Amino acid sequence: MFMFLPILLALAGCAFAWRSRAGLSYALWSATILVTVAWFFHHATDPLKFSF
């Protein structure tokens, strides 16, 4: 569920690249990278609780 937005943004970026709309394509690819990195930092800040 959480990966729906980056996949949707990447798909829209591909569609605009296919239609030769470079500005919108770059904007959507940038938004995809920003959302993915933001969600990584949001979820990667909790310490892992391993018990061996």
N, C-alpha and C. Protein backbone atom coordinates (compact mmCIF):
# COMPACT_ATOMS: atom_id res chain seq x y z
N MET A 1 0.82 -1.19 0.00
CA MET A 1 0.00 0.00 0.00
C MET A 1 0.86 1.26 0.00
N PHE A 2 1.97 1.24 0.76
CA PHE A 2 2.81 2.42 0.86
C PHE A 2 3.57 2.71 -0.42
N MET A 3 3.81 1.70 -1.22
CA MET A 3 4.58 1.89 -2.45
C MET A 3 3.69 2.25 -3.63
N PHE A 4 2.42 2.46 -3.40
CA PHE A 4 1.52 2.82 -4.50
C PHE A 4 1.85 4.19 -5.08
N LEU A 5 2.12 5.17 -4.24
CA LEU A 5 2.40 6.53 -4.73
C LEU A 5 3.67 6.61 -5.57
N PRO A 6 4.81 6.05 -5.13
CA PRO A 6 5.99 6.11 -6.01
C PRO A 6 5.79 5.37 -7.33
N ILE A 7 5.10 4.25 -7.30
CA ILE A 7 4.85 3.51 -8.54
C ILE A 7 3.93 4.30 -9.46
N LEU A 8 2.93 4.95 -8.90
CA LEU A 8 2.03 5.76 -9.70
C LEU A 8 2.76 6.97 -10.30
N LEU A 9 3.61 7.60 -9.51
CA LEU A 9 4.39 8.73 -10.02
C LEU A 9 5.35 8.30 -11.11
N ALA A 10 6.00 7.15 -10.93
CA ALA A 10 6.92 6.65 -11.95
C ALA A 10 6.18 6.28 -13.23
N LEU A 11 5.01 5.69 -13.10
CA LEU A 11 4.20 5.35 -14.27
C LEU A 11 3.77 6.61 -15.02
N ALA A 12 3.36 7.63 -14.28
CA ALA A 12 2.98 8.90 -14.92
C ALA A 12 4.19 9.55 -15.57
N GLY A 13 5.36 9.46 -14.93
CA GLY A 13 6.58 9.99 -15.53
C GLY A 13 6.93 9.28 -16.82
N CYS A 14 6.76 7.97 -16.85
CA CYS A 14 7.00 7.21 -18.09
C CYS A 14 6.00 7.59 -19.17
N ALA A 15 4.75 7.80 -18.78
CA ALA A 15 3.74 8.17 -19.77
C ALA A 15 4.04 9.53 -20.38
N PHE A 16 4.47 10.49 -19.55
CA PHE A 16 4.80 11.81 -20.09
C PHE A 16 6.08 11.77 -20.91
N ALA A 17 7.03 10.90 -20.55
CA ALA A 17 8.25 10.75 -21.36
C ALA A 17 7.89 10.15 -22.72
N TRP A 18 6.96 9.21 -22.71
CA TRP A 18 6.51 8.58 -23.96
C TRP A 18 5.84 9.61 -24.88
N ARG A 19 5.14 10.57 -24.28
CA ARG A 19 4.42 11.59 -25.05
C ARG A 19 5.29 12.82 -25.32
N SER A 20 6.58 12.72 -25.06
CA SER A 20 7.56 13.78 -25.33
C SER A 20 7.28 15.06 -24.54
N ARG A 21 6.87 14.93 -23.30
CA ARG A 21 6.68 16.07 -22.39
C ARG A 21 7.80 16.02 -21.35
N ALA A 22 8.97 16.52 -21.74
CA ALA A 22 10.17 16.35 -20.92
C ALA A 22 10.06 17.05 -19.57
N GLY A 23 9.50 18.24 -19.52
CA GLY A 23 9.41 18.98 -18.26
C GLY A 23 8.58 18.25 -17.22
N LEU A 24 7.41 17.79 -17.62
CA LEU A 24 6.56 17.06 -16.68
C LEU A 24 7.17 15.72 -16.30
N SER A 25 7.84 15.11 -17.25
CA SER A 25 8.48 13.82 -16.98
C SER A 25 9.57 13.98 -15.93
N TYR A 26 10.43 14.99 -16.07
CA TYR A 26 11.48 15.22 -15.09
C TYR A 26 10.90 15.58 -13.72
N ALA A 27 9.85 16.34 -13.71
CA ALA A 27 9.21 16.72 -12.44
C ALA A 27 8.65 15.50 -11.73
N LEU A 28 8.01 14.62 -12.48
CA LEU A 28 7.43 13.42 -11.86
C LEU A 28 8.51 12.44 -11.41
N TRP A 29 9.59 12.33 -12.16
CA TRP A 29 10.69 11.46 -11.73
C TRP A 29 11.34 12.02 -10.48
N SER A 30 11.48 13.32 -10.40
CA SER A 30 12.03 13.95 -9.20
C SER A 30 11.11 13.73 -8.00
N ALA A 31 9.82 13.87 -8.21
CA ALA A 31 8.86 13.63 -7.14
C ALA A 31 8.91 12.17 -6.69
N THR A 32 9.11 11.24 -7.62
CA THR A 32 9.23 9.83 -7.28
C THR A 32 10.43 9.60 -6.37
N ILE A 33 11.56 10.18 -6.74
CA ILE A 33 12.78 10.01 -5.93
C ILE A 33 12.59 10.64 -4.55
N LEU A 34 12.01 11.83 -4.50
CA LEU A 34 11.81 12.50 -3.21
C LEU A 34 10.88 11.72 -2.29
N VAL A 35 9.78 11.20 -2.83
CA VAL A 35 8.84 10.43 -2.02
C VAL A 35 9.49 9.15 -1.52
N THR A 36 10.24 8.48 -2.38
CA THR A 36 10.89 7.23 -1.99
C THR A 36 11.93 7.47 -0.90
N VAL A 37 12.74 8.51 -1.04
CA VAL A 37 13.75 8.81 -0.03
C VAL A 37 13.10 9.26 1.27
N ALA A 38 12.05 10.06 1.18
CA ALA A 38 11.35 10.51 2.40
C ALA A 38 10.74 9.34 3.15
N TRP A 39 10.13 8.42 2.45
CA TRP A 39 9.55 7.24 3.12
C TRP A 39 10.63 6.33 3.67
N PHE A 40 11.79 6.24 2.99
CA PHE A 40 12.89 5.45 3.52
C PHE A 40 13.35 6.04 4.85
N PHE A 41 13.58 7.35 4.91
CA PHE A 41 14.04 7.96 6.15
C PHE A 41 12.97 7.89 7.24
N HIS A 42 11.71 7.93 6.86
CA HIS A 42 10.63 7.82 7.84
C HIS A 42 10.61 6.42 8.47
N HIS A 43 10.82 5.40 7.67
CA HIS A 43 10.72 4.03 8.16
C HIS A 43 12.05 3.46 8.62
N ALA A 44 13.17 4.04 8.26
CA ALA A 44 14.47 3.49 8.62
C ALA A 44 15.05 4.10 9.89
N THR A 45 14.31 4.93 10.58
CA THR A 45 14.84 5.58 11.76
C THR A 45 14.63 4.75 13.03
N ASP A 46 13.74 3.76 13.00
CA ASP A 46 13.50 2.93 14.17
C ASP A 46 14.61 1.88 14.30
N PRO A 47 15.09 1.66 15.52
CA PRO A 47 16.12 0.63 15.70
C PRO A 47 15.51 -0.76 15.54
N LEU A 48 16.29 -1.67 15.02
CA LEU A 48 15.83 -3.05 14.86
C LEU A 48 16.03 -3.79 16.18
N LYS A 49 15.05 -4.58 16.54
CA LYS A 49 15.09 -5.32 17.81
C LYS A 49 15.35 -6.80 17.50
N PHE A 50 16.61 -7.14 17.45
CA PHE A 50 16.99 -8.53 17.21
C PHE A 50 17.20 -9.23 18.55
N SER A 51 16.80 -10.46 18.61
CA SER A 51 17.09 -11.27 19.80
C SER A 51 17.62 -12.62 19.32
N PHE A 52 18.93 -12.77 19.45
CA PHE A 52 19.57 -14.02 19.03
C PHE A 52 19.87 -14.89 20.21
